C-alpha atoms as a PDB file:
ATOM      1  CA  MET A   1      18.495 -45.665  34.530  1.00  0.00           C
ATOM      2  CA  ASP A   2      17.524 -42.204  33.394  1.00  0.00           C
ATOM      3  CA  TRP A   3      19.232 -39.970  30.693  1.00  0.00           C
ATOM      4  CA  ALA A   4      21.634 -38.356  33.211  1.00  0.00           C
ATOM      5  CA  ALA A   5      23.144 -41.453  34.277  1.00  0.00           C
ATOM      6  CA  ILE A   6      23.572 -42.567  30.750  1.00  0.00           C
ATOM      7  CA  LEU A   7      25.264 -39.504  29.818  1.00  0.00           C
ATOM      8  CA  TYR A   8      27.601 -39.603  32.827  1.00  0.00           C
ATOM      9  CA  LEU A   9      28.501 -43.100  32.016  1.00  0.00           C
ATOM     10  CA  GLY A  10      29.298 -42.107  28.353  1.00  0.00           C
ATOM     11  CA  VAL A  11      31.308 -39.200  29.403  1.00  0.00           C
ATOM     12  CA  THR A  12      33.174 -41.119  32.112  1.00  0.00           C
ATOM     13  CA  PHE A  13      34.055 -44.038  29.569  1.00  0.00           C
ATOM     14  CA  GLY A  14      34.939 -41.317  26.944  1.00  0.00           C
ATOM     15  CA  LEU A  15      37.485 -39.597  29.141  1.00  0.00           C
ATOM     16  CA  PHE A  16      38.893 -43.069  30.161  1.00  0.00           C
ATOM     17  CA  ALA A  17      39.297 -43.748  26.444  1.00  0.00           C
ATOM     18  CA  ILE A  18      41.252 -40.427  25.970  1.00  0.00           C
ATOM     19  CA  PHE A  19      43.401 -41.074  28.817  1.00  0.00           C
ATOM     20  CA  VAL A  20      44.323 -44.497  27.447  1.00  0.00           C
ATOM     21  CA  ALA A  21      45.074 -43.283  23.908  1.00  0.00           C
ATOM     22  CA  ILE A  22      47.529 -40.628  25.541  1.00  0.00           C
ATOM     23  CA  VAL A  23      49.238 -43.347  27.751  1.00  0.00           C
ATOM     24  CA  ILE A  24      49.580 -45.432  24.465  1.00  0.00           C
ATOM     25  CA  HIS A  25      50.944 -42.611  22.504  1.00  0.00           C
ATOM     26  CA  THR A  26      53.463 -41.615  25.290  1.00  0.00           C
ATOM     27  CA  CYS A  27      54.559 -45.082  25.833  1.00  0.00           C
ATOM     28  CA  ARG A  28      55.363 -46.095  22.124  1.00  0.00           C
ATOM     29  CA  ASP A  29      59.030 -46.692  21.465  1.00  0.00           C
ATOM     30  CA  LYS A  30      59.160 -44.298  18.280  1.00  0.00           C
ATOM     31  CA  HIS A  31      57.622 -41.560  20.585  1.00  0.00           C
ATOM     32  CA  LYS A  32      60.403 -42.223  23.231  1.00  0.00           C
ATOM     33  CA  GLU A  33      63.227 -41.730  20.737  1.00  0.00           C
ATOM     34  CA  THR A  34      62.010 -38.223  19.556  1.00  0.00           C
ATOM     35  CA  GLY A  35      60.910 -37.257  23.087  1.00  0.00           C
ATOM     36  CA  GLU A  36      64.125 -38.027  24.578  1.00  0.00           C
ATOM     37  CA  ALA A  37      66.497 -36.378  21.799  1.00  0.00           C
ATOM     38  CA  PRO A  38      66.203 -32.833  22.962  1.00  0.00           C
ATOM     39  CA  LYS A  39      67.356 -34.065  26.704  1.00  0.00           C
ATOM     40  CA  TYR A  40      70.514 -35.588  25.339  1.00  0.00           C
ATOM     41  CA  THR A  41      71.298 -32.392  23.039  1.00  0.00           C
ATOM     42  CA  MET A  42      70.878 -30.268  25.980  1.00  0.00           C
ATOM     43  CA  LEU A  43      73.274 -32.440  28.108  1.00  0.00           C
ATOM     44  CA  GLU A  44      75.902 -32.485  25.248  1.00  0.00           C
ATOM     45  CA  ASP A  45      75.878 -28.608  25.135  1.00  0.00           C
ATOM     46  CA  ASP A  46      77.211 -28.131  28.501  1.00  0.00           C
END
């Protein structure tokens, strides 16, 4: 493999790792509680 292929694989795996980190951060239970709170606040205002 030449350097371009190695760089391409590195960037691809790096972007995949960032995607996995975002999914894990979004799906955590603690984040769900704080992320859903504004929705219920808006519903209570009506």
